[in-house]
mmCIF file of all heavy atoms, coordinates in Angstrom:
data_MODEL
# 
_entry.id   MODEL 
# 
loop_
_atom_site.group_PDB 
_atom_site.id 
_atom_site.type_symbol 
_atom_site.label_atom_id 
_atom_site.label_alt_id 
_atom_site.label_comp_id 
_atom_site.label_asym_id 
_atom_site.label_entity_id 
_atom_site.label_seq_id 
_atom_site.pdbx_PDB_ins_code 
_atom_site.Cartn_x 
_atom_site.Cartn_y 
_atom_site.Cartn_z 
_atom_site.occupancy 
_atom_site.B_iso_or_equiv 
_atom_site.pdbx_formal_charge 
_atom_site.auth_seq_id 
_atom_site.auth_comp_id 
_atom_site.auth_asym_id 
_atom_site.auth_atom_id 
_atom_site.pdbx_PDB_model_num 
ATOM 1   N N   . SER A 1 1  ? 74.450 36.731 8.368  1.00 0.00 ? 1  SER A N   1 
ATOM 2   C CA  . SER A 1 1  ? 75.789 37.053 8.865  1.00 0.00 ? 1  SER A CA  1 
ATOM 3   C C   . SER A 1 1  ? 76.493 35.817 9.418  1.00 0.00 ? 1  SER A C   1 
ATOM 4   O O   . SER A 1 1  ? 77.698 35.626 9.222  1.00 0.00 ? 1  SER A O   1 
ATOM 5   C CB  . SER A 1 1  ? 75.702 38.131 9.952  1.00 0.00 ? 1  SER A CB  1 
ATOM 6   O OG  . SER A 1 1  ? 75.217 39.344 9.421  1.00 0.00 ? 1  SER A OG  1 
ATOM 7   N N   . LYS A 1 2  ? 75.736 34.976 10.099 1.00 0.00 ? 2  LYS A N   1 
ATOM 8   C CA  . LYS A 1 2  ? 76.311 33.757 10.660 1.00 0.00 ? 2  LYS A CA  1 
ATOM 9   C C   . LYS A 1 2  ? 76.751 32.801 9.552  1.00 0.00 ? 2  LYS A C   1 
ATOM 10  O O   . LYS A 1 2  ? 77.802 32.151 9.651  1.00 0.00 ? 2  LYS A O   1 
ATOM 11  C CB  . LYS A 1 2  ? 75.281 33.067 11.565 1.00 0.00 ? 2  LYS A CB  1 
ATOM 12  C CG  . LYS A 1 2  ? 75.815 31.864 12.317 1.00 0.00 ? 2  LYS A CG  1 
ATOM 13  C CD  . LYS A 1 2  ? 74.754 31.274 13.240 1.00 0.00 ? 2  LYS A CD  1 
ATOM 14  C CE  . LYS A 1 2  ? 75.283 30.054 13.971 1.00 0.00 ? 2  LYS A CE  1 
ATOM 15  N NZ  . LYS A 1 2  ? 74.251 29.463 14.871 1.00 0.00 ? 2  LYS A NZ  1 
ATOM 16  N N   . ALA A 1 3  ? 75.962 32.720 8.478  1.00 0.00 ? 3  ALA A N   1 
ATOM 17  C CA  . ALA A 1 3  ? 76.303 31.813 7.370  1.00 0.00 ? 3  ALA A CA  1 
ATOM 18  C C   . ALA A 1 3  ? 77.536 32.290 6.608  1.00 0.00 ? 3  ALA A C   1 
ATOM 19  O O   . ALA A 1 3  ? 78.337 31.489 6.118  1.00 0.00 ? 3  ALA A O   1 
ATOM 20  C CB  . ALA A 1 3  ? 75.102 31.699 6.425  1.00 0.00 ? 3  ALA A CB  1 
ATOM 21  N N   . TRP A 1 4  ? 77.711 33.616 6.516  1.00 0.00 ? 4  TRP A N   1 
ATOM 22  C CA  . TRP A 1 4  ? 78.822 34.164 5.733  1.00 0.00 ? 4  TRP A CA  1 
ATOM 23  C C   . TRP A 1 4  ? 80.102 34.359 6.529  1.00 0.00 ? 4  TRP A C   1 
ATOM 24  O O   . TRP A 1 4  ? 81.150 34.619 5.948  1.00 0.00 ? 4  TRP A O   1 
ATOM 25  C CB  . TRP A 1 4  ? 78.403 35.523 5.144  1.00 0.00 ? 4  TRP A CB  1 
ATOM 26  C CG  . TRP A 1 4  ? 77.322 35.452 4.125  1.00 0.00 ? 4  TRP A CG  1 
ATOM 27  C CD1 . TRP A 1 4  ? 77.052 34.422 3.272  1.00 0.00 ? 4  TRP A CD1 1 
ATOM 28  C CD2 . TRP A 1 4  ? 76.354 36.468 3.820  1.00 0.00 ? 4  TRP A CD2 1 
ATOM 29  N NE1 . TRP A 1 4  ? 75.989 34.716 2.476  1.00 0.00 ? 4  TRP A NE1 1 
ATOM 30  C CE2 . TRP A 1 4  ? 75.529 35.968 2.780  1.00 0.00 ? 4  TRP A CE2 1 
ATOM 31  C CE3 . TRP A 1 4  ? 76.091 37.737 4.326  1.00 0.00 ? 4  TRP A CE3 1 
ATOM 32  C CZ2 . TRP A 1 4  ? 74.480 36.703 2.250  1.00 0.00 ? 4  TRP A CZ2 1 
ATOM 33  C CZ3 . TRP A 1 4  ? 75.060 38.469 3.802  1.00 0.00 ? 4  TRP A CZ3 1 
ATOM 34  C CH2 . TRP A 1 4  ? 74.253 37.959 2.767  1.00 0.00 ? 4  TRP A CH2 1 
ATOM 35  N N   . TYR A 1 5  ? 80.032 34.248 7.846  1.00 0.00 ? 5  TYR A N   1 
ATOM 36  C CA  . TYR A 1 5  ? 81.140 34.671 8.710  1.00 0.00 ? 5  TYR A CA  1 
ATOM 37  C C   . TYR A 1 5  ? 82.468 33.999 8.371  1.00 0.00 ? 5  TYR A C   1 
ATOM 38  O O   . TYR A 1 5  ? 83.512 34.660 8.302  1.00 0.00 ? 5  TYR A O   1 
ATOM 39  C CB  . TYR A 1 5  ? 80.763 34.405 10.179 1.00 0.00 ? 5  TYR A CB  1 
ATOM 40  C CG  . TYR A 1 5  ? 81.910 34.581 11.140 1.00 0.00 ? 5  TYR A CG  1 
ATOM 41  C CD1 . TYR A 1 5  ? 82.539 35.810 11.274 1.00 0.00 ? 5  TYR A CD1 1 
ATOM 42  C CD2 . TYR A 1 5  ? 82.363 33.512 11.920 1.00 0.00 ? 5  TYR A CD2 1 
ATOM 43  C CE1 . TYR A 1 5  ? 83.597 35.975 12.158 1.00 0.00 ? 5  TYR A CE1 1 
ATOM 44  C CE2 . TYR A 1 5  ? 83.411 33.669 12.792 1.00 0.00 ? 5  TYR A CE2 1 
ATOM 45  C CZ  . TYR A 1 5  ? 84.025 34.907 12.909 1.00 0.00 ? 5  TYR A CZ  1 
ATOM 46  O OH  . TYR A 1 5  ? 85.071 35.061 13.768 1.00 0.00 ? 5  TYR A OH  1 
ATOM 47  N N   . ASP A 1 6  ? 82.472 32.692 8.134  1.00 0.00 ? 6  ASP A N   1 
ATOM 48  C CA  . ASP A 1 6  ? 83.724 31.958 7.918  1.00 0.00 ? 6  ASP A CA  1 
ATOM 49  C C   . ASP A 1 6  ? 84.336 32.200 6.545  1.00 0.00 ? 6  ASP A C   1 
ATOM 50  O O   . ASP A 1 6  ? 85.544 32.032 6.361  1.00 0.00 ? 6  ASP A O   1 
ATOM 51  C CB  . ASP A 1 6  ? 83.487 30.445 8.091  1.00 0.00 ? 6  ASP A CB  1 
ATOM 52  C CG  . ASP A 1 6  ? 83.167 30.096 9.537  1.00 0.00 ? 6  ASP A CG  1 
ATOM 53  O OD1 . ASP A 1 6  ? 83.625 30.842 10.425 1.00 0.00 ? 6  ASP A OD1 1 
ATOM 54  O OD2 . ASP A 1 6  ? 82.457 29.099 9.768  1.00 0.00 ? 6  ASP A OD2 1 
ATOM 55  N N   . GLN A 1 7  ? 83.521 32.590 5.556  1.00 0.00 ? 7  GLN A N   1 
ATOM 56  C CA  . GLN A 1 7  ? 83.993 32.666 4.178  1.00 0.00 ? 7  GLN A CA  1 
ATOM 57  C C   . GLN A 1 7  ? 84.157 34.089 3.645  1.00 0.00 ? 7  GLN A C   1 
ATOM 58  O O   . GLN A 1 7  ? 84.963 34.325 2.751  1.00 0.00 ? 7  GLN A O   1 
ATOM 59  C CB  . GLN A 1 7  ? 83.021 31.911 3.258  1.00 0.00 ? 7  GLN A CB  1 
ATOM 60  C CG  . GLN A 1 7  ? 82.788 30.462 3.629  1.00 0.00 ? 7  GLN A CG  1 
ATOM 61  C CD  . GLN A 1 7  ? 84.023 29.605 3.382  1.00 0.00 ? 7  GLN A CD  1 
ATOM 62  O OE1 . GLN A 1 7  ? 84.820 29.887 2.490  1.00 0.00 ? 7  GLN A OE1 1 
ATOM 63  N NE2 . GLN A 1 7  ? 84.199 28.571 4.193  1.00 0.00 ? 7  GLN A NE2 1 
ATOM 64  N N   . TYR A 1 8  ? 83.413 35.041 4.202  1.00 0.00 ? 8  TYR A N   1 
ATOM 65  C CA  . TYR A 1 8  ? 83.391 36.391 3.642  1.00 0.00 ? 8  TYR A CA  1 
ATOM 66  C C   . TYR A 1 8  ? 83.467 37.447 4.743  1.00 0.00 ? 8  TYR A C   1 
ATOM 67  O O   . TYR A 1 8  ? 83.157 37.181 5.902  1.00 0.00 ? 8  TYR A O   1 
ATOM 68  C CB  . TYR A 1 8  ? 82.099 36.612 2.831  1.00 0.00 ? 8  TYR A CB  1 
ATOM 69  C CG  . TYR A 1 8  ? 81.907 35.628 1.708  1.00 0.00 ? 8  TYR A CG  1 
ATOM 70  C CD1 . TYR A 1 8  ? 81.171 34.457 1.900  1.00 0.00 ? 8  TYR A CD1 1 
ATOM 71  C CD2 . TYR A 1 8  ? 82.471 35.851 0.457  1.00 0.00 ? 8  TYR A CD2 1 
ATOM 72  C CE1 . TYR A 1 8  ? 81.008 33.536 0.875  1.00 0.00 ? 8  TYR A CE1 1 
ATOM 73  C CE2 . TYR A 1 8  ? 82.305 34.942 -0.581 1.00 0.00 ? 8  TYR A CE2 1 
ATOM 74  C CZ  . TYR A 1 8  ? 81.574 33.791 -0.364 1.00 0.00 ? 8  TYR A CZ  1 
ATOM 75  O OH  . TYR A 1 8  ? 81.416 32.886 -1.385 1.00 0.00 ? 8  TYR A OH  1 
ATOM 76  N N   . ARG A 1 9  ? 83.888 38.637 4.342  1.00 0.00 ? 9  ARG A N   1 
ATOM 77  C CA  . ARG A 1 9  ? 83.834 39.801 5.224  1.00 0.00 ? 9  ARG A CA  1 
ATOM 78  C C   . ARG A 1 9  ? 82.553 40.558 4.896  1.00 0.00 ? 9  ARG A C   1 
ATOM 79  O O   . ARG A 1 9  ? 82.304 40.934 3.748  1.00 0.00 ? 9  ARG A O   1 
ATOM 80  C CB  . ARG A 1 9  ? 85.050 40.703 5.017  1.00 0.00 ? 9  ARG A CB  1 
ATOM 81  C CG  . ARG A 1 9  ? 86.353 40.058 5.420  1.00 0.00 ? 9  ARG A CG  1 
ATOM 82  C CD  . ARG A 1 9  ? 86.400 39.761 6.924  1.00 0.00 ? 9  ARG A CD  1 
ATOM 83  N NE  . ARG A 1 9  ? 86.619 40.975 7.689  1.00 0.00 ? 9  ARG A NE  1 
ATOM 84  C CZ  . ARG A 1 9  ? 86.340 41.069 8.988  1.00 0.00 ? 9  ARG A CZ  1 
ATOM 85  N NH1 . ARG A 1 9  ? 85.781 40.047 9.624  1.00 0.00 ? 9  ARG A NH1 1 
ATOM 86  N NH2 . ARG A 1 9  ? 86.604 42.175 9.648  1.00 0.00 ? 9  ARG A NH2 1 
ATOM 87  N N   . VAL A 1 10 ? 81.744 40.777 5.916  1.00 0.00 ? 10 VAL A N   1 
ATOM 88  C CA  . VAL A 1 10 ? 80.443 41.419 5.733  1.00 0.00 ? 10 VAL A CA  1 
ATOM 89  C C   . VAL A 1 10 ? 80.503 42.847 6.273  1.00 0.00 ? 10 VAL A C   1 
ATOM 90  O O   . VAL A 1 10 ? 80.783 43.064 7.454  1.00 0.00 ? 10 VAL A O   1 
ATOM 91  C CB  . VAL A 1 10 ? 79.324 40.635 6.440  1.00 0.00 ? 10 VAL A CB  1 
ATOM 92  C CG1 . VAL A 1 10 ? 77.974 41.335 6.239  1.00 0.00 ? 10 VAL A CG1 1 
ATOM 93  C CG2 . VAL A 1 10 ? 79.265 39.209 5.927  1.00 0.00 ? 10 VAL A CG2 1 
ATOM 94  N N   . ILE A 1 11 ? 80.268 43.813 5.382  1.00 0.00 ? 11 ILE A N   1 
ATOM 95  C CA  . ILE A 1 11 ? 80.168 45.223 5.774  1.00 0.00 ? 11 ILE A CA  1 
ATOM 96  C C   . ILE A 1 11 ? 78.689 45.572 5.822  1.00 0.00 ? 11 ILE A C   1 
ATOM 97  O O   . ILE A 1 11 ? 77.965 45.372 4.841  1.00 0.00 ? 11 ILE A O   1 
ATOM 98  C CB  . ILE A 1 11 ? 80.900 46.130 4.772  1.00 0.00 ? 11 ILE A CB  1 
ATOM 99  C CG1 . ILE A 1 11 ? 82.392 45.813 4.771  1.00 0.00 ? 11 ILE A CG1 1 
ATOM 100 C CG2 . ILE A 1 11 ? 80.666 47.602 5.103  1.00 0.00 ? 11 ILE A CG2 1 
ATOM 101 C CD1 . ILE A 1 11 ? 83.160 46.531 3.697  1.00 0.00 ? 11 ILE A CD1 1 
ATOM 102 N N   . ARG A 1 12 ? 78.243 46.093 6.952  1.00 0.00 ? 12 ARG A N   1 
ATOM 103 C CA  . ARG A 1 12 ? 76.817 46.382 7.114  1.00 0.00 ? 12 ARG A CA  1 
ATOM 104 C C   . ARG A 1 12 ? 76.629 47.882 7.348  1.00 0.00 ? 12 ARG A C   1 
ATOM 105 O O   . ARG A 1 12 ? 77.025 48.422 8.375  1.00 0.00 ? 12 ARG A O   1 
ATOM 106 C CB  . ARG A 1 12 ? 76.257 45.574 8.284  1.00 0.00 ? 12 ARG A CB  1 
ATOM 107 C CG  . ARG A 1 12 ? 74.739 45.477 8.286  1.00 0.00 ? 12 ARG A CG  1 
ATOM 108 C CD  . ARG A 1 12 ? 74.257 44.466 9.305  1.00 0.00 ? 12 ARG A CD  1 
ATOM 109 N NE  . ARG A 1 12 ? 74.432 43.103 8.849  1.00 0.00 ? 12 ARG A NE  1 
ATOM 110 C CZ  . ARG A 1 12 ? 73.608 42.463 8.037  1.00 0.00 ? 12 ARG A CZ  1 
ATOM 111 N NH1 . ARG A 1 12 ? 72.533 43.082 7.568  1.00 0.00 ? 12 ARG A NH1 1 
ATOM 112 N NH2 . ARG A 1 12 ? 73.838 41.211 7.688  1.00 0.00 ? 12 ARG A NH2 1 
ATOM 113 N N   . LEU A 1 13 ? 76.051 48.561 6.349  1.00 0.00 ? 13 LEU A N   1 
ATOM 114 C CA  . LEU A 1 13 ? 75.714 49.978 6.468  1.00 0.00 ? 13 LEU A CA  1 
ATOM 115 C C   . LEU A 1 13 ? 74.337 50.084 7.099  1.00 0.00 ? 13 LEU A C   1 
ATOM 116 O O   . LEU A 1 13 ? 73.339 49.708 6.494  1.00 0.00 ? 13 LEU A O   1 
ATOM 117 C CB  . LEU A 1 13 ? 75.733 50.636 5.087  1.00 0.00 ? 13 LEU A CB  1 
ATOM 118 C CG  . LEU A 1 13 ? 75.296 52.102 5.028  1.00 0.00 ? 13 LEU A CG  1 
ATOM 119 C CD1 . LEU A 1 13 ? 76.263 52.997 5.791  1.00 0.00 ? 13 LEU A CD1 1 
ATOM 120 C CD2 . LEU A 1 13 ? 75.180 52.572 3.572  1.00 0.00 ? 13 LEU A CD2 1 
ATOM 121 N N   . ARG A 1 14 ? 74.284 50.616 8.323  1.00 0.00 ? 14 ARG A N   1 
ATOM 122 C CA  . ARG A 1 14 ? 73.031 50.642 9.088  1.00 0.00 ? 14 ARG A CA  1 
ATOM 123 C C   . ARG A 1 14 ? 72.564 52.070 9.325  1.00 0.00 ? 14 ARG A C   1 
ATOM 124 O O   . ARG A 1 14 ? 73.369 52.979 9.576  1.00 0.00 ? 14 ARG A O   1 
ATOM 125 C CB  . ARG A 1 14 ? 73.213 49.928 10.431 1.00 0.00 ? 14 ARG A CB  1 
ATOM 126 C CG  . ARG A 1 14 ? 73.385 48.430 10.289 1.00 0.00 ? 14 ARG A CG  1 
ATOM 127 C CD  . ARG A 1 14 ? 73.640 47.750 11.640 1.00 0.00 ? 14 ARG A CD  1 
ATOM 128 N NE  . ARG A 1 14 ? 72.577 47.988 12.603 1.00 0.00 ? 14 ARG A NE  1 
ATOM 129 C CZ  . ARG A 1 14 ? 71.414 47.328 12.615 1.00 0.00 ? 14 ARG A CZ  1 
ATOM 130 N NH1 . ARG A 1 14 ? 71.178 46.389 11.695 1.00 0.00 ? 14 ARG A NH1 1 
ATOM 131 N NH2 . ARG A 1 14 ? 70.507 47.596 13.528 1.00 0.00 ? 14 ARG A NH2 1 
ATOM 132 N N   . ASP A 1 15 ? 71.244 52.246 9.252  1.00 0.00 ? 15 ASP A N   1 
ATOM 133 C CA  . ASP A 1 15 ? 70.654 53.555 9.534  1.00 0.00 ? 15 ASP A CA  1 
ATOM 134 C C   . ASP A 1 15 ? 70.800 53.875 11.014 1.00 0.00 ? 15 ASP A C   1 
ATOM 135 O O   . ASP A 1 15 ? 70.621 52.994 11.868 1.00 0.00 ? 15 ASP A O   1 
ATOM 136 C CB  . ASP A 1 15 ? 69.169 53.548 9.137  1.00 0.00 ? 15 ASP A CB  1 
ATOM 137 C CG  . ASP A 1 15 ? 68.591 54.944 9.061  1.00 0.00 ? 15 ASP A CG  1 
ATOM 138 O OD1 . ASP A 1 15 ? 68.383 55.550 10.137 1.00 0.00 ? 15 ASP A OD1 1 
ATOM 139 O OD2 . ASP A 1 15 ? 68.348 55.437 7.946  1.00 0.00 ? 15 ASP A OD2 1 
ATOM 140 N N   . ASP A 1 16 ? 71.116 55.130 11.325 1.00 0.00 ? 16 ASP A N   1 
ATOM 141 C CA  . ASP A 1 16 ? 71.351 55.506 12.720 1.00 0.00 ? 16 ASP A CA  1 
ATOM 142 C C   . ASP A 1 16 ? 70.083 55.516 13.573 1.00 0.00 ? 16 ASP A C   1 
ATOM 143 O O   . ASP A 1 16 ? 70.146 55.662 14.797 1.00 0.00 ? 16 ASP A O   1 
ATOM 144 C CB  . ASP A 1 16 ? 72.042 56.875 12.803 1.00 0.00 ? 16 ASP A CB  1 
ATOM 145 C CG  . ASP A 1 16 ? 71.271 57.962 12.062 1.00 0.00 ? 16 ASP A CG  1 
ATOM 146 O OD1 . ASP A 1 16 ? 70.120 57.703 11.651 1.00 0.00 ? 16 ASP A OD1 1 
ATOM 147 O OD2 . ASP A 1 16 ? 71.826 59.063 11.884 1.00 0.00 ? 16 ASP A OD2 1 
ATOM 148 N N   . ARG A 1 17 ? 68.915 55.321 12.953 1.00 0.00 ? 17 ARG A N   1 
ATOM 149 C CA  . ARG A 1 17 ? 67.667 55.273 13.724 1.00 0.00 ? 17 ARG A CA  1 
ATOM 150 C C   . ARG A 1 17 ? 67.259 53.866 14.116 1.00 0.00 ? 17 ARG A C   1 
ATOM 151 O O   . ARG A 1 17 ? 66.280 53.680 14.863 1.00 0.00 ? 17 ARG A O   1 
ATOM 152 C CB  . ARG A 1 17 ? 66.543 55.910 12.903 1.00 0.00 ? 17 ARG A CB  1 
ATOM 153 C CG  . ARG A 1 17 ? 66.713 57.398 12.659 1.00 0.00 ? 17 ARG A CG  1 
ATOM 154 C CD  . ARG A 1 17 ? 65.779 57.915 11.602 1.00 0.00 ? 17 ARG A CD  1 
ATOM 155 N NE  . ARG A 1 17 ? 66.137 57.399 10.279 1.00 0.00 ? 17 ARG A NE  1 
ATOM 156 C CZ  . ARG A 1 17 ? 65.514 57.738 9.157  1.00 0.00 ? 17 ARG A CZ  1 
ATOM 157 N NH1 . ARG A 1 17 ? 64.499 58.590 9.194  1.00 0.00 ? 17 ARG A NH1 1 
ATOM 158 N NH2 . ARG A 1 17 ? 65.886 57.230 7.991  1.00 0.00 ? 17 ARG A NH2 1 
ATOM 159 N N   . LEU A 1 18 ? 67.968 52.860 13.631 1.00 0.00 ? 18 LEU A N   1 
ATOM 160 C CA  . LEU A 1 18 ? 67.634 51.476 13.962 1.00 0.00 ? 18 LEU A CA  1 
ATOM 161 C C   . LEU A 1 18 ? 67.932 51.185 15.421 1.00 0.00 ? 18 LEU A C   1 
ATOM 162 O O   . LEU A 1 18 ? 68.978 51.570 15.953 1.00 0.00 ? 18 LEU A O   1 
ATOM 163 C CB  . LEU A 1 18 ? 68.420 50.511 13.063 1.00 0.00 ? 18 LEU A CB  1 
ATOM 164 C CG  . LEU A 1 18 ? 68.070 50.517 11.565 1.00 0.00 ? 18 LEU A CG  1 
ATOM 165 C CD1 . LEU A 1 18 ? 69.029 49.632 10.793 1.00 0.00 ? 18 LEU A CD1 1 
ATOM 166 C CD2 . LEU A 1 18 ? 66.635 50.056 11.345 1.00 0.00 ? 18 LEU A CD2 1 
ATOM 167 N N   . GLN A 1 19 ? 67.008 50.474 16.066 1.00 0.00 ? 19 GLN A N   1 
ATOM 168 C CA  . GLN A 1 19 ? 67.163 50.141 17.482 1.00 0.00 ? 19 GLN A CA  1 
ATOM 169 C C   . GLN A 1 19 ? 67.810 48.777 17.692 1.00 0.00 ? 19 GLN A C   1 
ATOM 170 O O   . GLN A 1 19 ? 68.388 48.505 18.741 1.00 0.00 ? 19 GLN A O   1 
ATOM 171 C CB  . GLN A 1 19 ? 65.782 50.152 18.167 1.00 0.00 ? 19 GLN A CB  1 
ATOM 172 C CG  . GLN A 1 19 ? 65.055 51.478 18.074 1.00 0.00 ? 19 GLN A CG  1 
ATOM 173 C CD  . GLN A 1 19 ? 65.782 52.592 18.800 1.00 0.00 ? 19 GLN A CD  1 
ATOM 174 O OE1 . GLN A 1 19 ? 66.305 52.397 19.888 1.00 0.00 ? 19 GLN A OE1 1 
ATOM 175 N NE2 . GLN A 1 19 ? 65.820 53.771 18.190 1.00 0.00 ? 19 GLN A NE2 1 
ATOM 176 N N   . SER A 1 20 ? 67.722 47.910 16.709 1.00 0.00 ? 20 SER A N   1 
ATOM 177 C CA  . SER A 1 20 ? 68.262 46.552 16.837 1.00 0.00 ? 20 SER A CA  1 
ATOM 178 C C   . SER A 1 20 ? 69.780 46.552 16.710 1.00 0.00 ? 20 SER A C   1 
ATOM 179 O O   . SER A 1 20 ? 70.383 47.501 16.195 1.00 0.00 ? 20 SER A O   1 
ATOM 180 C CB  . SER A 1 20 ? 67.647 45.637 15.774 1.00 0.00 ? 20 SER A CB  1 
ATOM 181 O OG  . SER A 1 20 ? 67.896 46.148 14.486 1.00 0.00 ? 20 SER A OG  1 
ATOM 182 N N   . ASP A 1 21 ? 70.410 45.485 17.179 1.00 0.00 ? 21 ASP A N   1 
ATOM 183 C CA  . ASP A 1 21 ? 71.860 45.336 17.118 1.00 0.00 ? 21 ASP A CA  1 
ATOM 184 C C   . ASP A 1 21 ? 72.254 44.453 15.945 1.00 0.00 ? 21 ASP A C   1 
ATOM 185 O O   . ASP A 1 21 ? 71.564 43.494 15.606 1.00 0.00 ? 21 ASP A O   1 
ATOM 186 C CB  . ASP A 1 21 ? 72.396 44.719 18.417 1.00 0.00 ? 21 ASP A CB  1 
ATOM 187 C CG  . ASP A 1 21 ? 72.170 45.634 19.618 1.00 0.00 ? 21 ASP A CG  1 
ATOM 188 O OD1 . ASP A 1 21 ? 72.261 46.862 19.436 1.00 0.00 ? 21 ASP A OD1 1 
ATOM 189 O OD2 . ASP A 1 21 ? 71.889 45.119 20.722 1.00 0.00 ? 21 ASP A OD2 1 
ATOM 190 N N   . ALA A 1 22 ? 73.391 44.774 15.345 1.00 0.00 ? 22 ALA A N   1 
ATOM 191 C CA  . ALA A 1 22 ? 73.914 43.963 14.245 1.00 0.00 ? 22 ALA A CA  1 
ATOM 192 C C   . ALA A 1 22 ? 74.727 42.804 14.800 1.00 0.00 ? 22 ALA A C   1 
ATOM 193 O O   . ALA A 1 22 ? 75.053 42.755 15.988 1.00 0.00 ? 22 ALA A O   1 
ATOM 194 C CB  . ALA A 1 22 ? 74.779 44.823 13.321 1.00 0.00 ? 22 ALA A CB  1 
ATOM 195 N N   . SER A 1 23 ? 75.062 41.863 13.935 1.00 0.00 ? 23 SER A N   1 
ATOM 196 C CA  . SER A 1 23 ? 75.888 40.722 14.330 1.00 0.00 ? 23 SER A CA  1 
ATOM 197 C C   . SER A 1 23 ? 77.282 41.209 14.752 1.00 0.00 ? 23 SER A C   1 
ATOM 198 O O   . SER A 1 23 ? 77.849 42.101 14.112 1.00 0.00 ? 23 SER A O   1 
ATOM 199 C CB  . SER A 1 23 ? 75.999 39.729 13.173 1.00 0.00 ? 23 SER A CB  1 
ATOM 200 O OG  . SER A 1 23 ? 76.974 38.757 13.447 1.00 0.00 ? 23 SER A OG  1 
ATOM 201 N N   . PRO A 1 24 ? 77.850 40.649 15.823 1.00 0.00 ? 24 PRO A N   1 
ATOM 202 C CA  . PRO A 1 24 ? 79.201 41.063 16.256 1.00 0.00 ? 24 PRO A CA  1 
ATOM 203 C C   . PRO A 1 24 ? 80.286 40.696 15.245 1.00 0.00 ? 24 PRO A C   1 
ATOM 204 O O   . PRO A 1 24 ? 81.401 41.211 15.321 1.00 0.00 ? 24 PRO A O   1 
ATOM 205 C CB  . PRO A 1 24 ? 79.391 40.301 17.576 1.00 0.00 ? 24 PRO A CB  1 
ATOM 206 C CG  . PRO A 1 24 ? 78.443 39.142 17.499 1.00 0.00 ? 24 PRO A CG  1 
ATOM 207 C CD  . PRO A 1 24 ? 77.279 39.624 16.707 1.00 0.00 ? 24 PRO A CD  1 
ATOM 208 N N   . HIS A 1 25 ? 79.983 39.815 14.303 1.00 0.00 ? 25 HIS A N   1 
ATOM 209 C CA  . HIS A 1 25 ? 80.968 39.416 13.298 1.00 0.00 ? 25 HIS A CA  1 
ATOM 210 C C   . HIS A 1 25 ? 81.068 40.413 12.145 1.00 0.00 ? 25 HIS A C   1 
ATOM 211 O O   . HIS A 1 25 ? 82.026 40.352 11.373 1.00 0.00 ? 25 HIS A O   1 
ATOM 212 C CB  . HIS A 1 25 ? 80.610 38.035 12.737 1.00 0.00 ? 25 HIS A CB  1 
ATOM 213 C CG  . HIS A 1 25 ? 80.429 36.984 13.778 1.00 0.00 ? 25 HIS A CG  1 
ATOM 214 N ND1 . HIS A 1 25 ? 81.385 36.702 14.720 1.00 0.00 ? 25 HIS A ND1 1 
ATOM 215 C CD2 . HIS A 1 25 ? 79.394 36.144 14.039 1.00 0.00 ? 25 HIS A CD2 1 
ATOM 216 C CE1 . HIS A 1 25 ? 80.957 35.723 15.514 1.00 0.00 ? 25 HIS A CE1 1 
ATOM 217 N NE2 . HIS A 1 25 ? 79.740 35.376 15.115 1.00 0.00 ? 25 HIS A NE2 1 
ATOM 218 N N   . ASP A 1 26 ? 80.098 41.315 12.005 1.00 0.00 ? 26 ASP A N   1 
ATOM 219 C CA  . ASP A 1 26 ? 80.064 42.231 10.866 1.00 0.00 ? 26 ASP A CA  1 
ATOM 220 C C   . ASP A 1 26 ? 80.896 43.483 11.116 1.00 0.00 ? 26 ASP A C   1 
ATOM 221 O O   . ASP A 1 26 ? 81.114 43.895 12.260 1.00 0.00 ? 26 ASP A O   1 
ATOM 222 C CB  . ASP A 1 26 ? 78.622 42.648 10.548 1.00 0.00 ? 26 ASP A CB  1 
ATOM 223 C CG  . ASP A 1 26 ? 77.743 41.476 10.152 1.00 0.00 ? 26 ASP A CG  1 
ATOM 224 O OD1 . ASP A 1 26 ? 78.309 40.422 9.820  1.00 0.00 ? 26 ASP A OD1 1 
ATOM 225 O OD2 . ASP A 1 26 ? 76.508 41.625 10.178 1.00 0.00 ? 26 ASP A OD2 1 
ATOM 226 N N   . ILE A 1 27 ? 81.345 44.100 10.018 1.00 0.00 ? 27 ILE A N   1 
ATOM 227 C CA  . ILE A 1 27 ? 81.955 45.427 10.075 1.00 0.00 ? 27 ILE A CA  1 
ATOM 228 C C   . ILE A 1 27 ? 80.817 46.425 9.911  1.00 0.00 ? 27 ILE A C   1 
ATOM 229 O O   . ILE A 1 27 ? 80.211 46.525 8.834  1.00 0.00 ? 27 ILE A O   1 
ATOM 230 C CB  . ILE A 1 27 ? 82.993 45.615 8.948  1.00 0.00 ? 27 ILE A CB  1 
ATOM 231 C CG1 . ILE A 1 27 ? 84.061 44.525 9.014  1.00 0.00 ? 27 ILE A CG1 1 
ATOM 232 C CG2 . ILE A 1 27 ? 83.621 46.992 9.015  1.00 0.00 ? 27 ILE A CG2 1 
ATOM 233 C CD1 . ILE A 1 27 ? 84.948 44.465 7.789  1.00 0.00 ? 27 ILE A CD1 1 
# 
């Protein structure tokens, strides 16, 4: 996510059971 942030829009479909946090730059 950090590598793609400046060049692309990243959409992240996440399972609702995941405990970890996604990057703040992602949709």
